[in-house]
């Protein structure tokens, strides 16, 4: 008797859960157009100037240039 009641209860639960209202989700698709414009790129090459160059590393400071005046202040 108990098995029959449990089986009927389980079957009725499955029937109710299967008959739920299912809501369909709609998704909107948005079309996007990308415009690619080809441009000519000009690569600027570095030009050497007659300025002063400063190089700092673990050995100290190396300064090169035409007129270099160095003042060391503490």
PDB file of N, CA and C in Angstrom:
ATOM      1  N   UNK A   1       0.839  -1.187   0.000  1.00  0.00           N
ATOM      2  CA  UNK A   1       0.000   0.000   0.000  1.00  0.00           C
ATOM      3  C   UNK A   1       0.880   1.244   0.000  1.00  0.00           C
ATOM      4  N   UNK A   2       1.935   1.271   0.836  1.00  0.00           N
ATOM      5  CA  UNK A   2       2.778   2.459   0.926  1.00  0.00           C
ATOM      6  C   UNK A   2       3.558   2.672  -0.376  1.00  0.00           C
ATOM      7  N   UNK A   3       3.973   1.576  -1.001  1.00  0.00           N
ATOM      8  CA  UNK A   3       4.734   1.699  -2.240  1.00  0.00           C
ATOM      9  C   UNK A   3       3.884   2.312  -3.346  1.00  0.00           C
ATOM     10  N   UNK A   4       2.619   1.949  -3.364  1.00  0.00           N
ATOM     11  CA  UNK A   4       1.720   2.473  -4.393  1.00  0.00           C
ATOM     12  C   UNK A   4       1.529   3.972  -4.189  1.00  0.00           C
ATOM     13  N   UNK A   5       1.360   4.394  -2.958  1.00  0.00           N
ATOM     14  CA  UNK A   5       1.163   5.821  -2.654  1.00  0.00           C
ATOM     15  C   UNK A   5       2.425   6.611  -3.016  1.00  0.00           C
ATOM     16  N   UNK A   6       3.585   6.062  -2.676  1.00  0.00           N
ATOM     17  CA  UNK A   6       4.836   6.741  -3.020  1.00  0.00           C
ATOM     18  C   UNK A   6       5.025   6.815  -4.533  1.00  0.00           C
ATOM     19  N   UNK A   7       4.711   5.761  -5.249  1.00  0.00           N
ATOM     20  CA  UNK A   7       4.847   5.765  -6.707  1.00  0.00           C
ATOM     21  C   UNK A   7       3.877   6.751  -7.339  1.00  0.00           C
ATOM     22  N   UNK A   8       2.629   6.792  -6.876  1.00  0.00           N
ATOM     23  CA  UNK A   8       1.658   7.748  -7.417  1.00  0.00           C
ATOM     24  C   UNK A   8       2.080   9.185  -7.116  1.00  0.00           C
ATOM     25  N   UNK A   9       2.613   9.408  -5.917  1.00  0.00           N
ATOM     26  CA  UNK A   9       3.087  10.748  -5.574  1.00  0.00           C
ATOM     27  C   UNK A   9       4.263  11.171  -6.448  1.00  0.00           C
ATOM     28  N   UNK A  10       5.178  10.269  -6.696  1.00  0.00           N
ATOM     29  CA  UNK A  10       6.334  10.564  -7.541  1.00  0.00           C
ATOM     30  C   UNK A  10       5.905  10.826  -8.984  1.00  0.00           C
ATOM     31  N   UNK A  11       4.996  10.028  -9.487  1.00  0.00           N
ATOM     32  CA  UNK A  11       4.511  10.209 -10.861  1.00  0.00           C
ATOM     33  C   UNK A  11       3.773  11.535 -10.999  1.00  0.00           C
ATOM     34  N   UNK A  12       2.960  11.889 -10.016  1.00  0.00           N
ATOM     35  CA  UNK A  12       2.222  13.156 -10.092  1.00  0.00           C
ATOM     36  C   UNK A  12       3.187  14.346 -10.003  1.00  0.00           C
ATOM     37  N   UNK A  13       4.222  14.230  -9.183  1.00  0.00           N
ATOM     38  CA  UNK A  13       5.219  15.300  -9.081  1.00  0.00           C
ATOM     39  C   UNK A  13       5.940  15.484 -10.417  1.00  0.00           C
ATOM     40  N   UNK A  14       6.318  14.378 -11.057  1.00  0.00           N
ATOM     41  CA  UNK A  14       6.996  14.465 -12.342  1.00  0.00           C
ATOM     42  C   UNK A  14       6.090  15.044 -13.422  1.00  0.00           C
ATOM     43  N   UNK A  15       4.819  14.715 -13.389  1.00  0.00           N
ATOM     44  CA  UNK A  15       3.869  15.255 -14.376  1.00  0.00           C
ATOM     45  C   UNK A  15       3.691  16.755 -14.195  1.00  0.00           C
ATOM     46  N   UNK A  16       3.600  17.209 -12.958  1.00  0.00           N
ATOM     47  CA  UNK A  16       3.425  18.644 -12.698  1.00  0.00           C
ATOM     48  C   UNK A  16       4.678  19.414 -13.091  1.00  0.00           C
ATOM     49  N   UNK A  17       5.849  18.868 -12.782  1.00  0.00           N
ATOM     50  CA  UNK A  17       7.081  19.581 -13.113  1.00  0.00           C
ATOM     51  C   UNK A  17       7.330  19.590 -14.621  1.00  0.00           C
ATOM     52  N   UNK A  18       6.847  18.585 -15.340  1.00  0.00           N
ATOM     53  CA  UNK A  18       7.031  18.534 -16.782  1.00  0.00           C
ATOM     54  C   UNK A  18       6.072  19.465 -17.507  1.00  0.00           C
ATOM     55  N   UNK A  19       4.955  19.793 -16.900  1.00  0.00           N
ATOM     56  CA  UNK A  19       3.947  20.616 -17.558  1.00  0.00           C
ATOM     57  C   UNK A  19       4.073  22.098 -17.198  1.00  0.00           C
ATOM     58  N   UNK A  20       5.164  22.523 -16.645  1.00  0.00           N
ATOM     59  CA  UNK A  20       5.331  23.933 -16.324  1.00  0.00           C
ATOM     60  C   UNK A  20       5.346  24.747 -17.594  1.00  0.00           C
ATOM     61  N   UNK A  21       4.976  26.013 -17.448  1.00  0.00           N
ATOM     62  CA  UNK A  21       5.028  26.901 -18.588  1.00  0.00           C
ATOM     63  C   UNK A  21       6.492  27.239 -18.862  1.00  0.00           C
ATOM     64  N   UNK A  22       6.889  26.996 -20.062  1.00  0.00           N
ATOM     65  CA  UNK A  22       8.262  27.302 -20.436  1.00  0.00           C
ATOM     66  C   UNK A  22       8.261  28.613 -21.219  1.00  0.00           C
ATOM     67  N   UNK A  23       9.070  29.547 -20.764  1.00  0.00           N
ATOM     68  CA  UNK A  23       9.153  30.846 -21.406  1.00  0.00           C
ATOM     69  C   UNK A  23      10.381  30.837 -22.310  1.00  0.00           C
ATOM     70  N   UNK A  24      10.132  31.130 -23.564  1.00  0.00           N
ATOM     71  CA  UNK A  24      11.248  31.161 -24.505  1.00  0.00           C
ATOM     72  C   UNK A  24      11.926  32.518 -24.415  1.00  0.00           C
ATOM     73  N   UNK A  25      13.218  32.459 -24.332  1.00  0.00           N
ATOM     74  CA  UNK A  25      13.984  33.702 -24.278  1.00  0.00           C
ATOM     75  C   UNK A  25      14.334  34.096 -25.704  1.00  0.00           C
ATOM     76  N   UNK A  26      13.999  35.334 -26.030  1.00  0.00           N
ATOM     77  CA  UNK A  26      14.331  35.829 -27.359  1.00  0.00           C
ATOM     78  C   UNK A  26      15.528  36.758 -27.246  1.00  0.00           C
ATOM     79  N   UNK A  27      16.395  36.626 -28.177  1.00  0.00           N
ATOM     80  CA  UNK A  27      17.571  37.490 -28.191  1.00  0.00           C
ATOM     81  C   UNK A  27      17.530  38.329 -29.447  1.00  0.00           C
ATOM     82  N   UNK A  28      17.906  39.580 -29.266  1.00  0.00           N
ATOM     83  CA  UNK A  28      17.949  40.485 -30.411  1.00  0.00           C
ATOM     84  C   UNK A  28      19.355  40.480 -30.975  1.00  0.00           C
ATOM     85  N   UNK A  29      19.420  40.337 -32.275  1.00  0.00           N
ATOM     86  CA  UNK A  29      20.730  40.383 -32.905  1.00  0.00           C
ATOM     87  C   UNK A  29      20.890  41.745 -33.566  1.00  0.00           C
ATOM     88  N   UNK A  30      21.985  42.376 -33.247  1.00  0.00           N
ATOM     89  CA  UNK A  30      22.270  43.691 -33.796  1.00  0.00           C
ATOM     90  C   UNK A  30      23.441  43.527 -34.759  1.00  0.00           C
ATOM     91  N   UNK A  31      23.214  43.937 -35.979  1.00  0.00           N
ATOM     92  CA  UNK A  31      24.263  43.828 -36.972  1.00  0.00           C
ATOM     93  C   UNK A  31      25.128  45.080 -36.905  1.00  0.00           C
ATOM     94  N   UNK A  32      26.408  44.870 -36.837  1.00  0.00           N
ATOM     95  CA  UNK A  32      27.327  45.999 -36.823  1.00  0.00           C
ATOM     96  C   UNK A  32      28.236  45.891 -38.034  1.00  0.00           C
ATOM     97  N   UNK A  33      28.451  47.005 -38.644  1.00  0.00           N
ATOM     98  CA  UNK A  33      29.339  47.063 -39.791  1.00  0.00           C
ATOM     99  C   UNK A  33      30.563  47.863 -39.396  1.00  0.00           C
ATOM    100  N   UNK A  34      31.711  47.294 -39.620  1.00  0.00           N
ATOM    101  CA  UNK A  34      32.943  48.011 -39.328  1.00  0.00           C
ATOM    102  C   UNK A  34      33.586  48.421 -40.639  1.00  0.00           C
ATOM    103  N   UNK A  35      34.022  49.640 -40.653  1.00  0.00           N
ATOM    104  CA  UNK A  35      34.653  50.177 -41.844  1.00  0.00           C
ATOM    105  C   UNK A  35      36.140  50.255 -41.574  1.00  0.00           C
ATOM    106  N   UNK A  36      36.909  49.609 -42.426  1.00  0.00           N
ATOM    107  CA  UNK A  36      38.355  49.621 -42.292  1.00  0.00           C
ATOM    108  C   UNK A  36      38.902  50.482 -43.419  1.00  0.00           C
ATOM    109  N   UNK A  37      39.593  51.528 -43.027  1.00  0.00           N
ATOM    110  CA  UNK A  37      40.153  52.436 -44.015  1.00  0.00           C
ATOM    111  C   UNK A  37      41.657  52.236 -44.042  1.00  0.00           C
ATOM    112  N   UNK A  38      42.153  51.894 -45.201  1.00  0.00           N
ATOM    113  CA  UNK A  38      43.580  51.673 -45.314  1.00  0.00           C
ATOM    114  C   UNK A  38      44.276  53.015 -45.487  1.00  0.00           C
ATOM    115  N   UNK A  39      45.286  53.231 -44.690  1.00  0.00           N
ATOM    116  CA  UNK A  39      46.030  54.476 -44.774  1.00  0.00           C
ATOM    117  C   UNK A  39      47.490  54.154 -45.011  1.00  0.00           C
ATOM    118  N   UNK A  40      48.152  55.074 -45.645  1.00  0.00           N
ATOM    119  CA  UNK A  40      49.586  54.919 -45.852  1.00  0.00           C
ATOM    120  C   UNK A  40      50.293  55.380 -44.594  1.00  0.00           C
ATOM    121  N   UNK A  41      51.154  54.530 -44.077  1.00  0.00           N
ATOM    122  CA  UNK A  41      51.887  54.892 -42.882  1.00  0.00           C
ATOM    123  C   UNK A  41      53.299  55.283 -43.261  1.00  0.00           C
ATOM    124  N   UNK A  42      53.738  56.354 -42.678  1.00  0.00           N
ATOM    125  CA  UNK A  42      55.084  56.838 -42.932  1.00  0.00           C
ATOM    126  C   UNK A  42      55.886  56.614 -41.662  1.00  0.00           C
ATOM    127  N   UNK A  43      56.966  55.875 -41.796  1.00  0.00           N
ATOM    128  CA  UNK A  43      57.801  55.583 -40.644  1.00  0.00           C
ATOM    129  C   UNK A  43      58.878  56.653 -40.580  1.00  0.00           C
ATOM    130  N   UNK A  44      58.917  57.355 -39.472  1.00  0.00           N
ATOM    131  CA  UNK A  44      59.916  58.394 -39.288  1.00  0.00           C
ATOM    132  C   UNK A  44      61.206  57.751 -38.793  1.00  0.00           C
ATOM    133  N   UNK A  45      62.248  57.940 -39.554  1.00  0.00           N
ATOM    134  CA  UNK A  45      63.526  57.387 -39.148  1.00  0.00           C
ATOM    135  C   UNK A  45      64.246  58.393 -38.264  1.00  0.00           C
ATOM    136  N   UNK A  46      64.865  57.926 -37.214  1.00  0.00           N
ATOM    137  CA  UNK A  46      65.559  58.864 -36.327  1.00  0.00           C
ATOM    138  C   UNK A  46      66.765  59.464 -37.045  1.00  0.00           C
ATOM    139  N   UNK A  47      66.901  60.745 -36.871  1.00  0.00           N
ATOM    140  CA  UNK A  47      68.032  61.428 -37.489  1.00  0.00           C
ATOM    141  C   UNK A  47      69.026  61.776 -36.397  1.00  0.00           C
ATOM    142  N   UNK A  48      70.268  61.733 -36.747  1.00  0.00           N
ATOM    143  CA  UNK A  48      71.297  62.054 -35.769  1.00  0.00           C
ATOM    144  C   UNK A  48      71.456  63.560 -35.716  1.00  0.00           C
ATOM    145  N   UNK A  49      71.502  64.057 -34.517  1.00  0.00           N
ATOM    146  CA  UNK A  49      71.676  65.489 -34.328  1.00  0.00           C
ATOM    147  C   UNK A  49      73.036  65.734 -33.699  1.00  0.00           C
ATOM    148  N   UNK A  50      73.431  66.966 -33.701  1.00  0.00           N
ATOM    149  CA  UNK A  50      74.715  67.336 -33.122  1.00  0.00           C
ATOM    150  C   UNK A  50      74.564  67.677 -31.645  1.00  0.00           C
ATOM    151  N   UNK A  51      73.553  67.160 -31.002  1.00  0.00           N
ATOM    152  CA  UNK A  51      73.293  67.474 -29.607  1.00  0.00           C
ATOM    153  C   UNK A  51      74.152  66.647 -28.673  1.00  0.00           C
ATOM    154  N   UNK A  52      73.772  66.666 -27.442  1.00  0.00           N
ATOM    155  CA  UNK A  52      74.504  65.976 -26.396  1.00  0.00           C
ATOM    156  C   UNK A  52      73.799  64.670 -26.075  1.00  0.00           C
ATOM    157  N   UNK A  53      74.589  63.603 -25.915  1.00  0.00           N
ATOM    158  CA  UNK A  53      74.005  62.326 -25.526  1.00  0.00           C
ATOM    159  C   UNK A  53      74.475  61.980 -24.121  1.00  0.00           C
ATOM    160  N   UNK A  54      73.567  61.462 -23.332  1.00  0.00           N
ATOM    161  CA  UNK A  54      73.856  61.097 -21.950  1.00  0.00           C
ATOM    162  C   UNK A  54      73.533  59.622 -21.785  1.00  0.00           C
ATOM    163  N   UNK A  55      74.486  58.863 -21.245  1.00  0.00           N
ATOM    164  CA  UNK A  55      74.290  57.442 -21.002  1.00  0.00           C
ATOM    165  C   UNK A  55      74.571  57.173 -19.524  1.00  0.00           C
ATOM    166  N   UNK A  56      73.603  56.595 -18.837  1.00  0.00           N
ATOM    167  CA  UNK A  56      73.733  56.311 -17.405  1.00  0.00           C
ATOM    168  C   UNK A  56      73.649  54.803 -17.223  1.00  0.00           C
ATOM    169  N   UNK A  57      74.645  54.225 -16.577  1.00  0.00           N
ATOM    170  CA  UNK A  57      74.618  52.798 -16.279  1.00  0.00           C
ATOM    171  C   UNK A  57      75.280  52.562 -14.926  1.00  0.00           C
ATOM    172  N   UNK A  58      75.594  51.322 -14.638  1.00  0.00           N
ATOM    173  CA  UNK A  58      76.149  51.000 -13.316  1.00  0.00           C
ATOM    174  C   UNK A  58      77.573  51.521 -13.144  1.00  0.00           C
ATOM    175  N   UNK A  59      78.259  51.806 -14.230  1.00  0.00           N
ATOM    176  CA  UNK A  59      79.620  52.330 -14.142  1.00  0.00           C
ATOM    177  C   UNK A  59      79.654  53.835 -13.889  1.00  0.00           C
ATOM    178  N   UNK A  60      78.585  54.518 -14.152  1.00  0.00           N
ATOM    179  CA  UNK A  60      78.537  55.968 -13.937  1.00  0.00           C
ATOM    180  C   UNK A  60      77.787  56.642 -15.064  1.00  0.00           C
ATOM    181  N   UNK A  61      78.155  57.910 -15.319  1.00  0.00           N
ATOM    182  CA  UNK A  61      77.489  58.713 -16.325  1.00  0.00           C
ATOM    183  C   UNK A  61      78.480  58.988 -17.447  1.00  0.00           C
ATOM    184  N   UNK A  62      78.056  58.784 -18.694  1.00  0.00           N
ATOM    185  CA  UNK A  62      78.894  59.061 -19.855  1.00  0.00           C
ATOM    186  C   UNK A  62      78.186  60.130 -20.681  1.00  0.00           C
ATOM    187  N   UNK A  63      78.833  61.284 -20.859  1.00  0.00           N
ATOM    188  CA  UNK A  63      78.248  62.397 -21.595  1.00  0.00           C
ATOM    189  C   UNK A  63      79.122  62.676 -22.803  1.00  0.00           C
ATOM    190  N   UNK A  64      78.467  62.744 -23.983  1.00  0.00           N
ATOM    191  CA  UNK A  64      79.188  63.040 -25.213  1.00  0.00           C
ATOM    192  C   UNK A  64      78.503  64.203 -25.919  1.00  0.00           C
ATOM    193  N   UNK A  65      79.294  65.118 -26.431  1.00  0.00           N
ATOM    194  CA  UNK A  65      78.750  66.245 -27.178  1.00  0.00           C
ATOM    195  C   UNK A  65      79.849  67.198 -27.574  1.00  0.00           C
ATOM    196  N   UNK A  66      79.497  68.221 -28.386  1.00  0.00           N
ATOM    197  CA  UNK A  66      80.488  69.185 -28.834  1.00  0.00           C
ATOM    198  C   UNK A  66      80.953  70.069 -27.685  1.00  0.00           C
ATOM    199  N   UNK A  67      80.048  70.732 -27.052  1.00  0.00           N
ATOM    200  CA  UNK A  67      80.426  71.599 -25.931  1.00  0.00           C
ATOM    201  C   UNK A  67      79.724  71.084 -24.697  1.00  0.00           C
ATOM    202  N   UNK A  68      80.477  70.408 -23.854  1.00  0.00           N
ATOM    203  CA  UNK A  68      79.909  69.803 -22.670  1.00  0.00           C
ATOM    204  C   UNK A  68      80.493  70.478 -21.435  1.00  0.00           C
ATOM    205  N   UNK A  69      79.654  71.130 -20.659  1.00  0.00           N
ATOM    206  CA  UNK A  69      80.065  71.730 -19.404  1.00  0.00           C
ATOM    207  C   UNK A  69      79.363  70.972 -18.299  1.00  0.00           C
ATOM    208  N   UNK A  70      80.111  70.391 -17.388  1.00  0.00           N
ATOM    209  CA  UNK A  70      79.552  69.568 -16.340  1.00  0.00           C
ATOM    210  C   UNK A  70      79.790  70.236 -15.004  1.00  0.00           C
ATOM    211  N   UNK A  71      78.689  70.387 -14.245  1.00  0.00           N
ATOM    212  CA  UNK A  71      78.776  70.872 -12.878  1.00  0.00           C
ATOM    213  C   UNK A  71      78.229  69.799 -11.965  1.00  0.00           C
ATOM    214  N   UNK A  72      78.981  69.466 -10.941  1.00  0.00           N
ATOM    215  CA  UNK A  72      78.527  68.475  -9.987  1.00  0.00           C
ATOM    216  C   UNK A  72      78.198  69.194  -8.697  1.00  0.00           C
ATOM    217  N   UNK A  73      76.940  69.095  -8.268  1.00  0.00           N
ATOM    218  CA  UNK A  73      76.502  69.760  -7.033  1.00  0.00           C
ATOM    219  C   UNK A  73      75.946  68.710  -6.093  1.00  0.00           C
ATOM    220  N   UNK A  74      76.205  68.935  -4.799  1.00  0.00           N
ATOM    221  CA  UNK A  74      75.683  68.021  -3.795  1.00  0.00           C
ATOM    222  C   UNK A  74      74.670  68.733  -2.935  1.00  0.00           C
TER     223      UNK A  74
END
